[in-house]
Structure formats: structure tokens, C-alpha cells
Amino acid sequence: IGLGPGCWLVPSECFYNDIRMRAMSLATFANRCT
């Protein structure tokens, strides 16, 4: 209801354009490491 989709939604929208792809990769990297 929240934790599953919300924790992909927040990283996808909280970074600004210049860093979004690299920061999103970092978030995914941390997610997969965990």
C-alpha cells in the first residue's frame, strides 16, 4: 500500500535533472545491495 511502490516513487522524483540518472542509479545500487 505504500512502502513497496512509494520507495521507488520518491527516488524517481526527488532528484533534479542534472543528477537524476546518476542519483537514481545510486538509489537502485543501494536497494540491490540491501
PDB file of all heavy atoms in Angstrom:
ATOM      1  N   ILE A   1       0.812  -1.209   0.000  1.00  0.00           N
ATOM      2  CA  ILE A   1       0.000   0.000   0.000  1.00  0.00           C
ATOM      3  C   ILE A   1       0.849   1.264   0.000  1.00  0.00           C
ATOM      4  O   ILE A   1       0.405   2.337  -0.431  1.00  0.00           O
ATOM      5  CB  ILE A   1      -0.972   0.019   1.207  1.00  0.00           C
ATOM      6  CG1 ILE A   1      -2.112   1.020   0.984  1.00  0.00           C
ATOM      7  CG2 ILE A   1      -0.232   0.316   2.503  1.00  0.00           C
ATOM      8  CD1 ILE A   1      -3.036   0.670  -0.150  1.00  0.00           C
ATOM      9  N   GLY A   2       2.094   1.178   0.437  1.00  0.00           N
ATOM     10  CA  GLY A   2       2.917   2.383   0.476  1.00  0.00           C
ATOM     11  C   GLY A   2       4.400   2.125   0.345  1.00  0.00           C
ATOM     12  O   GLY A   2       5.084   2.713  -0.493  1.00  0.00           O
ATOM     13  N   LEU A   3       4.933   1.230   1.171  1.00  0.00           N
ATOM     14  CA  LEU A   3       6.378   1.003   1.222  1.00  0.00           C
ATOM     15  C   LEU A   3       6.919   0.452  -0.094  1.00  0.00           C
ATOM     16  O   LEU A   3       7.972   0.884  -0.566  1.00  0.00           O
ATOM     17  CB  LEU A   3       6.702   0.037   2.367  1.00  0.00           C
ATOM     18  CG  LEU A   3       8.168  -0.103   2.785  1.00  0.00           C
ATOM     19  CD1 LEU A   3       8.746   1.232   3.202  1.00  0.00           C
ATOM     20  CD2 LEU A   3       8.304  -1.130   3.908  1.00  0.00           C
ATOM     21  N   GLY A   4       6.208  -0.486  -0.699  1.00  0.00           N
ATOM     22  CA  GLY A   4       6.665  -1.088  -1.946  1.00  0.00           C
ATOM     23  C   GLY A   4       6.782  -0.094  -3.085  1.00  0.00           C
ATOM     24  O   GLY A   4       7.880   0.184  -3.588  1.00  0.00           O
ATOM     25  N   PRO A   5       5.654   0.501  -3.530  1.00  0.00           N
ATOM     26  CA  PRO A   5       5.739   1.459  -4.651  1.00  0.00           C
ATOM     27  C   PRO A   5       6.299   2.810  -4.256  1.00  0.00           C
ATOM     28  O   PRO A   5       6.996   3.454  -5.042  1.00  0.00           O
ATOM     29  CB  PRO A   5       4.278   1.582  -5.100  1.00  0.00           C
ATOM     30  CG  PRO A   5       3.473   1.262  -3.879  1.00  0.00           C
ATOM     31  CD  PRO A   5       4.270   0.215  -3.145  1.00  0.00           C
ATOM     32  N   GLY A   6       6.025   3.270  -3.043  1.00  0.00           N
ATOM     33  CA  GLY A   6       6.450   4.604  -2.633  1.00  0.00           C
ATOM     34  C   GLY A   6       7.944   4.765  -2.587  1.00  0.00           C
ATOM     35  O   GLY A   6       8.480   5.841  -2.869  1.00  0.00           O
ATOM     36  N   CYS A   7       8.654   3.689  -2.264  1.00  0.00           N
ATOM     37  CA  CYS A   7      10.113   3.779  -2.162  1.00  0.00           C
ATOM     38  C   CYS A   7      10.809   3.643  -3.510  1.00  0.00           C
ATOM     39  O   CYS A   7      12.037   3.670  -3.580  1.00  0.00           O
ATOM     40  CB  CYS A   7      10.630   2.749  -1.159  1.00  0.00           C
ATOM     41  SG  CYS A   7      10.227   3.219   0.539  1.00  0.00           S
ATOM     42  N   TRP A   8      10.049   3.492  -4.584  1.00  0.00           N
ATOM     43  CA  TRP A   8      10.575   3.721  -5.938  1.00  0.00           C
ATOM     44  C   TRP A   8      10.112   5.080  -6.442  1.00  0.00           C
ATOM     45  O   TRP A   8      10.822   5.758  -7.187  1.00  0.00           O
ATOM     46  CB  TRP A   8      10.117   2.620  -6.899  1.00  0.00           C
ATOM     47  CG  TRP A   8      10.832   1.326  -6.710  1.00  0.00           C
ATOM     48  CD1 TRP A   8      10.292   0.126  -6.366  1.00  0.00           C
ATOM     49  CD2 TRP A   8      12.240   1.096  -6.843  1.00  0.00           C
ATOM     50  NE1 TRP A   8      11.267  -0.831  -6.267  1.00  0.00           N
ATOM     51  CE2 TRP A   8      12.472  -0.264  -6.557  1.00  0.00           C
ATOM     52  CE3 TRP A   8      13.326   1.908  -7.166  1.00  0.00           C
ATOM     53  CZ2 TRP A   8      13.746  -0.829  -6.596  1.00  0.00           C
ATOM     54  CZ3 TRP A   8      14.597   1.358  -7.204  1.00  0.00           C
ATOM     55  CH2 TRP A   8      14.802  -0.012  -6.923  1.00  0.00           C
ATOM     56  N   LEU A   9       8.913   5.472  -6.049  1.00  0.00           N
ATOM     57  CA  LEU A   9       8.381   6.771  -6.479  1.00  0.00           C
ATOM     58  C   LEU A   9       9.223   7.928  -5.947  1.00  0.00           C
ATOM     59  O   LEU A   9       9.586   8.845  -6.700  1.00  0.00           O
ATOM     60  CB  LEU A   9       6.925   6.909  -6.014  1.00  0.00           C
ATOM     61  CG  LEU A   9       6.268   8.272  -6.184  1.00  0.00           C
ATOM     62  CD1 LEU A   9       6.241   8.685  -7.651  1.00  0.00           C
ATOM     63  CD2 LEU A   9       4.849   8.249  -5.593  1.00  0.00           C
ATOM     64  N   VAL A  10       9.542   7.903  -4.660  1.00  0.00           N
ATOM     65  CA  VAL A  10      10.282   9.021  -4.052  1.00  0.00           C
ATOM     66  C   VAL A  10      11.650   9.232  -4.705  1.00  0.00           C
ATOM     67  O   VAL A  10      11.992  10.357  -5.091  1.00  0.00           O
ATOM     68  CB  VAL A  10      10.405   8.822  -2.521  1.00  0.00           C
ATOM     69  CG1 VAL A  10      11.368   9.849  -1.920  1.00  0.00           C
ATOM     70  CG2 VAL A  10       9.033   8.950  -1.864  1.00  0.00           C
ATOM     71  N   PRO A  11      12.488   8.186  -4.885  1.00  0.00           N
ATOM     72  CA  PRO A  11      13.770   8.433  -5.556  1.00  0.00           C
ATOM     73  C   PRO A  11      13.615   8.910  -7.000  1.00  0.00           C
ATOM     74  O   PRO A  11      14.450   9.664  -7.496  1.00  0.00           O
ATOM     75  CB  PRO A  11      14.469   7.062  -5.511  1.00  0.00           C
ATOM     76  CG  PRO A  11      13.828   6.340  -4.390  1.00  0.00           C
ATOM     77  CD  PRO A  11      12.406   6.804  -4.376  1.00  0.00           C
ATOM     78  N   SER A  12      12.561   8.477  -7.675  1.00  0.00           N
ATOM     79  CA  SER A  12      12.390   8.866  -9.076  1.00  0.00           C
ATOM     80  C   SER A  12      12.055  10.338  -9.234  1.00  0.00           C
ATOM     81  O   SER A  12      12.253  10.910 -10.310  1.00  0.00           O
ATOM     82  CB  SER A  12      11.289   8.020  -9.731  1.00  0.00           C
ATOM     83  OG  SER A  12       9.995   8.425  -9.303  1.00  0.00           O
ATOM     84  N   GLU A  13      11.561  10.990  -8.164  1.00  0.00           N
ATOM     85  CA  GLU A  13      11.113  12.367  -8.301  1.00  0.00           C
ATOM     86  C   GLU A  13      11.851  13.365  -7.414  1.00  0.00           C
ATOM     87  O   GLU A  13      11.686  14.570  -7.586  1.00  0.00           O
ATOM     88  CB  GLU A  13       9.615  12.457  -7.977  1.00  0.00           C
ATOM     89  CG  GLU A  13       9.254  12.148  -6.537  1.00  0.00           C
ATOM     90  CD  GLU A  13       7.757  12.172  -6.276  1.00  0.00           C
ATOM     91  OE1 GLU A  13       6.985  12.375  -7.233  1.00  0.00           O
ATOM     92  OE2 GLU A  13       7.358  11.984  -5.110  1.00  0.00           O
ATOM     93  N   CYS A  14      12.668  12.926  -6.476  1.00  0.00           N
ATOM     94  CA  CYS A  14      13.261  13.875  -5.531  1.00  0.00           C
ATOM     95  C   CYS A  14      14.581  14.474  -6.018  1.00  0.00           C
ATOM     96  O   CYS A  14      15.093  15.409  -5.405  1.00  0.00           O
ATOM     97  CB  CYS A  14      13.450  13.227  -4.158  1.00  0.00           C
ATOM     98  SG  CYS A  14      14.816  12.056  -4.037  1.00  0.00           S
ATOM     99  N   PHE A  15      15.153  13.953  -7.109  1.00  0.00           N
ATOM    100  CA  PHE A  15      16.418  14.488  -7.628  1.00  0.00           C
ATOM    101  C   PHE A  15      16.154  15.448  -8.783  1.00  0.00           C
ATOM    102  O   PHE A  15      15.230  15.244  -9.567  1.00  0.00           O
ATOM    103  CB  PHE A  15      17.314  13.353  -8.117  1.00  0.00           C
ATOM    104  CG  PHE A  15      17.594  12.307  -7.078  1.00  0.00           C
ATOM    105  CD1 PHE A  15      17.209  10.990  -7.271  1.00  0.00           C
ATOM    106  CD2 PHE A  15      18.243  12.635  -5.900  1.00  0.00           C
ATOM    107  CE1 PHE A  15      17.475  10.022  -6.318  1.00  0.00           C
ATOM    108  CE2 PHE A  15      18.509  11.673  -4.929  1.00  0.00           C
ATOM    109  CZ  PHE A  15      18.120  10.362  -5.148  1.00  0.00           C
ATOM    110  N   TYR A  16      16.981  16.473  -8.918  1.00  0.00           N
ATOM    111  CA  TYR A  16      16.802  17.398 -10.034  1.00  0.00           C
ATOM    112  C   TYR A  16      17.482  16.844 -11.286  1.00  0.00           C
ATOM    113  O   TYR A  16      18.246  15.875 -11.242  1.00  0.00           O
ATOM    114  CB  TYR A  16      17.284  18.802  -9.682  1.00  0.00           C
ATOM    115  CG  TYR A  16      18.750  18.967  -9.378  1.00  0.00           C
ATOM    116  CD1 TYR A  16      19.649  19.355 -10.356  1.00  0.00           C
ATOM    117  CD2 TYR A  16      19.237  18.766  -8.082  1.00  0.00           C
ATOM    118  CE1 TYR A  16      21.000  19.531 -10.069  1.00  0.00           C
ATOM    119  CE2 TYR A  16      20.584  18.937  -7.785  1.00  0.00           C
ATOM    120  CZ  TYR A  16      21.458  19.321  -8.784  1.00  0.00           C
ATOM    121  OH  TYR A  16      22.796  19.482  -8.496  1.00  0.00           O
ATOM    122  N   ASN A  17      17.202  17.471 -12.430  1.00  0.00           N
ATOM    123  CA  ASN A  17      17.522  16.881 -13.735  1.00  0.00           C
ATOM    124  C   ASN A  17      18.991  16.519 -13.913  1.00  0.00           C
ATOM    125  O   ASN A  17      19.315  15.449 -14.432  1.00  0.00           O
ATOM    126  CB  ASN A  17      17.098  17.830 -14.860  1.00  0.00           C
ATOM    127  CG  ASN A  17      15.594  17.835 -15.071  1.00  0.00           C
ATOM    128  OD1 ASN A  17      14.952  16.795 -15.001  1.00  0.00           O
ATOM    129  ND2 ASN A  17      15.036  19.008 -15.309  1.00  0.00           N
ATOM    130  N   ASP A  18      19.900  17.392 -13.507  1.00  0.00           N
ATOM    131  CA  ASP A  18      21.308  17.162 -13.795  1.00  0.00           C
ATOM    132  C   ASP A  18      21.873  15.936 -13.087  1.00  0.00           C
ATOM    133  O   ASP A  18      22.792  15.297 -13.595  1.00  0.00           O
ATOM    134  CB  ASP A  18      22.140  18.392 -13.407  1.00  0.00           C
ATOM    135  CG  ASP A  18      23.573  18.286 -13.907  1.00  0.00           C
ATOM    136  OD1 ASP A  18      23.774  18.407 -15.131  1.00  0.00           O
ATOM    137  OD2 ASP A  18      24.471  18.057 -13.082  1.00  0.00           O
ATOM    138  N   ILE A  19      21.335  15.589 -11.922  1.00  0.00           N
ATOM    139  CA  ILE A  19      21.879  14.452 -11.166  1.00  0.00           C
ATOM    140  C   ILE A  19      20.924  13.268 -11.131  1.00  0.00           C
ATOM    141  O   ILE A  19      21.250  12.240 -10.540  1.00  0.00           O
ATOM    142  CB  ILE A  19      22.218  14.859  -9.709  1.00  0.00           C
ATOM    143  CG1 ILE A  19      20.943  15.169  -8.913  1.00  0.00           C
ATOM    144  CG2 ILE A  19      23.194  16.027  -9.684  1.00  0.00           C
ATOM    145  CD1 ILE A  19      21.175  15.316  -7.426  1.00  0.00           C
ATOM    146  N   ARG A  20      19.753  13.390 -11.779  1.00  0.00           N
ATOM    147  CA  ARG A  20      18.702  12.386 -11.552  1.00  0.00           C
ATOM    148  C   ARG A  20      19.137  10.979 -11.916  1.00  0.00           C
ATOM    149  O   ARG A  20      18.933  10.027 -11.150  1.00  0.00           O
ATOM    150  CB  ARG A  20      17.425  12.750 -12.304  1.00  0.00           C
ATOM    151  CG  ARG A  20      16.259  11.762 -11.999  1.00  0.00           C
ATOM    152  CD  ARG A  20      14.946  12.188 -12.620  1.00  0.00           C
ATOM    153  NE  ARG A  20      14.570  13.495 -12.114  1.00  0.00           N
ATOM    154  CZ  ARG A  20      14.452  14.573 -12.878  1.00  0.00           C
ATOM    155  NH1 ARG A  20      14.682  14.490 -14.180  1.00  0.00           N
ATOM    156  NH2 ARG A  20      14.102  15.723 -12.359  1.00  0.00           N
ATOM    157  N   MET A  21      19.713  10.786 -13.100  1.00  0.00           N
ATOM    158  CA  MET A  21      20.047   9.431 -13.522  1.00  0.00           C
ATOM    159  C   MET A  21      21.122   8.829 -12.633  1.00  0.00           C
ATOM    160  O   MET A  21      21.032   7.683 -12.202  1.00  0.00           O
ATOM    161  CB  MET A  21      20.519   9.445 -14.975  1.00  0.00           C
ATOM    162  CG  MET A  21      20.762   8.041 -15.550  1.00  0.00           C
ATOM    163  SD  MET A  21      19.271   7.049 -15.746  1.00  0.00           S
ATOM    164  CE  MET A  21      19.544   5.721 -14.574  1.00  0.00           C
ATOM    165  N   ARG A  22      22.158   9.603 -12.331  1.00  0.00           N
ATOM    166  CA  ARG A  22      23.238   9.068 -11.509  1.00  0.00           C
ATOM    167  C   ARG A  22      22.762   8.805 -10.080  1.00  0.00           C
ATOM    168  O   ARG A  22      23.107   7.782  -9.476  1.00  0.00           O
ATOM    169  CB  ARG A  22      24.427  10.036 -11.520  1.00  0.00           C
ATOM    170  CG  ARG A  22      25.752   9.382 -11.143  1.00  0.00           C
ATOM    171  CD  ARG A  22      26.905  10.260 -11.527  1.00  0.00           C
ATOM    172  NE  ARG A  22      26.983  10.440 -12.963  1.00  0.00           N
ATOM    173  CZ  ARG A  22      27.577   9.586 -13.799  1.00  0.00           C
ATOM    174  NH1 ARG A  22      28.144   8.500 -13.320  1.00  0.00           N
ATOM    175  NH2 ARG A  22      27.607   9.815 -15.086  1.00  0.00           N
ATOM    176  N   ALA A  23      21.975   9.723  -9.538  1.00  0.00           N
ATOM    177  CA  ALA A  23      21.471   9.545  -8.176  1.00  0.00           C
ATOM    178  C   ALA A  23      20.469   8.393  -8.109  1.00  0.00           C
ATOM    179  O   ALA A  23      20.441   7.637  -7.139  1.00  0.00           O
ATOM    180  CB  ALA A  23      20.827  10.842  -7.682  1.00  0.00           C
ATOM    181  N   MET A  24      19.657   8.239  -9.155  1.00  0.00           N
ATOM    182  CA  MET A  24      18.718   7.122  -9.194  1.00  0.00           C
ATOM    183  C   MET A  24      19.464   5.797  -9.287  1.00  0.00           C
ATOM    184  O   MET A  24      19.068   4.800  -8.666  1.00  0.00           O
ATOM    185  CB  MET A  24      17.773   7.277 -10.388  1.00  0.00           C
ATOM    186  CG  MET A  24      16.659   6.237 -10.423  1.00  0.00           C
ATOM    187  SD  MET A  24      15.525   6.436  -9.032  1.00  0.00           S
ATOM    188  CE  MET A  24      14.592   4.907  -9.139  1.00  0.00           C
ATOM    189  N   SER A  25      20.550   5.774 -10.038  1.00  0.00           N
ATOM    190  CA  SER A  25      21.375   4.570 -10.090  1.00  0.00           C
ATOM    191  C   SER A  25      21.958   4.249  -8.716  1.00  0.00           C
ATOM    192  O   SER A  25      22.037   3.084  -8.317  1.00  0.00           O
ATOM    193  CB  SER A  25      22.513   4.751 -11.097  1.00  0.00           C
ATOM    194  OG  SER A  25      22.013   4.871 -12.402  1.00  0.00           O
ATOM    195  N   LEU A  26      22.355   5.293  -7.990  1.00  0.00           N
ATOM    196  CA  LEU A  26      22.887   5.096  -6.644  1.00  0.00           C
ATOM    197  C   LEU A  26      21.820   4.529  -5.720  1.00  0.00           C
ATOM    198  O   LEU A  26      22.089   3.626  -4.912  1.00  0.00           O
ATOM    199  CB  LEU A  26      23.427   6.419  -6.093  1.00  0.00           C
ATOM    200  CG  LEU A  26      24.056   6.382  -4.697  1.00  0.00           C
ATOM    201  CD1 LEU A  26      25.257   5.439  -4.677  1.00  0.00           C
ATOM    202  CD2 LEU A  26      24.472   7.784  -4.259  1.00  0.00           C
ATOM    203  N   ALA A  27      20.589   5.049  -5.830  1.00  0.00           N
ATOM    204  CA  ALA A  27      19.488   4.532  -5.005  1.00  0.00           C
ATOM    205  C   ALA A  27      19.199   3.072  -5.337  1.00  0.00           C
ATOM    206  O   ALA A  27      18.993   2.240  -4.440  1.00  0.00           O
ATOM    207  CB  ALA A  27      18.237   5.383  -5.214  1.00  0.00           C
ATOM    208  N   THR A  28      19.200   2.742  -6.632  1.00  0.00           N
ATOM    209  CA  THR A  28      18.965   1.349  -7.049  1.00  0.00           C
ATOM    210  C   THR A  28      20.115   0.456  -6.596  1.00  0.00           C
ATOM    211  O   THR A  28      19.903  -0.680  -6.149  1.00  0.00           O
ATOM    212  CB  THR A  28      18.807   1.275  -8.574  1.00  0.00           C
ATOM    213  OG1 THR A  28      17.815   2.210  -8.999  1.00  0.00           O
ATOM    214  CG2 THR A  28      18.382  -0.124  -9.002  1.00  0.00           C
ATOM    215  N   PHE A  29      21.338   0.955  -6.725  1.00  0.00           N
ATOM    216  CA  PHE A  29      22.522   0.233  -6.257  1.00  0.00           C
ATOM    217  C   PHE A  29      22.391  -0.095  -4.773  1.00  0.00           C
ATOM    218  O   PHE A  29      22.613  -1.238  -4.343  1.00  0.00           O
ATOM    219  CB  PHE A  29      23.751   1.104  -6.519  1.00  0.00           C
ATOM    220  CG  PHE A  29      25.050   0.521  -6.049  1.00  0.00           C
ATOM    221  CD1 PHE A  29      25.805  -0.296  -6.878  1.00  0.00           C
ATOM    222  CD2 PHE A  29      25.538   0.798  -4.775  1.00  0.00           C
ATOM    223  CE1 PHE A  29      27.019  -0.823  -6.451  1.00  0.00           C
ATOM    224  CE2 PHE A  29      26.748   0.278  -4.343  1.00  0.00           C
ATOM    225  CZ  PHE A  29      27.488  -0.534  -5.180  1.00  0.00           C
ATOM    226  N   ALA A  30      22.000   0.905  -3.968  1.00  0.00           N
ATOM    227  CA  ALA A  30      21.849   0.691  -2.526  1.00  0.00           C
ATOM    228  C   ALA A  30      20.713  -0.279  -2.237  1.00  0.00           C
ATOM    229  O   ALA A  30      20.814  -1.129  -1.336  1.00  0.00           O
ATOM    230  CB  ALA A  30      21.596   2.025  -1.835  1.00  0.00           C
ATOM    231  N   ASN A  31      19.626  -0.164  -2.997  1.00  0.00           N
ATOM    232  CA  ASN A  31      18.489  -1.074  -2.832  1.00  0.00           C
ATOM    233  C   ASN A  31      18.901  -2.516  -3.091  1.00  0.00           C
ATOM    234  O   ASN A  31      18.582  -3.430  -2.311  1.00  0.00           O
ATOM    235  CB  ASN A  31      17.371  -0.640  -3.782  1.00  0.00           C
ATOM    236  CG  ASN A  31      16.164  -1.558  -3.759  1.00  0.00           C
ATOM    237  OD1 ASN A  31      16.152  -2.584  -4.448  1.00  0.00           O
ATOM    238  ND2 ASN A  31      15.154  -1.189  -2.998  1.00  0.00           N
ATOM    239  N   ARG A  32      19.633  -2.742  -4.180  1.00  0.00           N
ATOM    240  CA  ARG A  32      20.052  -4.103  -4.525  1.00  0.00           C
ATOM    241  C   ARG A  32      21.119  -4.631  -3.564  1.00  0.00           C
ATOM    242  O   ARG A  32      21.151  -5.829  -3.262  1.00  0.00           O
ATOM    243  CB  ARG A  32      20.574  -4.142  -5.956  1.00  0.00           C
ATOM    244  CG  ARG A  32      19.519  -3.907  -7.027  1.00  0.00           C
ATOM    245  CD  ARG A  32      18.447  -4.977  -7.029  1.00  0.00           C
ATOM    246  NE  ARG A  32      17.308  -4.662  -6.171  1.00  0.00           N
ATOM    247  CZ  ARG A  32      16.312  -5.496  -5.891  1.00  0.00           C
ATOM    248  NH1 ARG A  32      16.351  -6.741  -6.343  1.00  0.00           N
ATOM    249  NH2 ARG A  32      15.309  -5.120  -5.125  1.00  0.00           N
ATOM    250  N   CYS A  33      22.000  -3.751  -3.090  1.00  0.00           N
ATOM    251  CA  CYS A  33      22.980  -4.177  -2.080  1.00  0.00           C
ATOM    252  C   CYS A  33      22.269  -4.639  -0.814  1.00  0.00           C
ATOM    253  O   CYS A  33      22.625  -5.669  -0.219  1.00  0.00           O
ATOM    254  CB  CYS A  33      23.933  -3.032  -1.745  1.00  0.00           C
ATOM    255  SG  CYS A  33      25.206  -2.707  -2.969  1.00  0.00           S
ATOM    256  N   THR A  34      21.266  -3.875  -0.404  1.00  0.00           N
ATOM    257  CA  THR A  34      20.495  -4.250   0.778  1.00  0.00           C
ATOM    258  C   THR A  34      19.784  -5.568   0.555  1.00  0.00           C
ATOM    259  O   THR A  34      19.765  -6.444   1.430  1.00  0.00           O
ATOM    260  CB  THR A  34      19.464  -3.153   1.118  1.00  0.00           C
ATOM    261  OG1 THR A  34      20.126  -1.893   1.207  1.00  0.00           O
ATOM    262  CG2 THR A  34      18.772  -3.454   2.443  1.00  0.00           C
TER     263      THR A  34
END
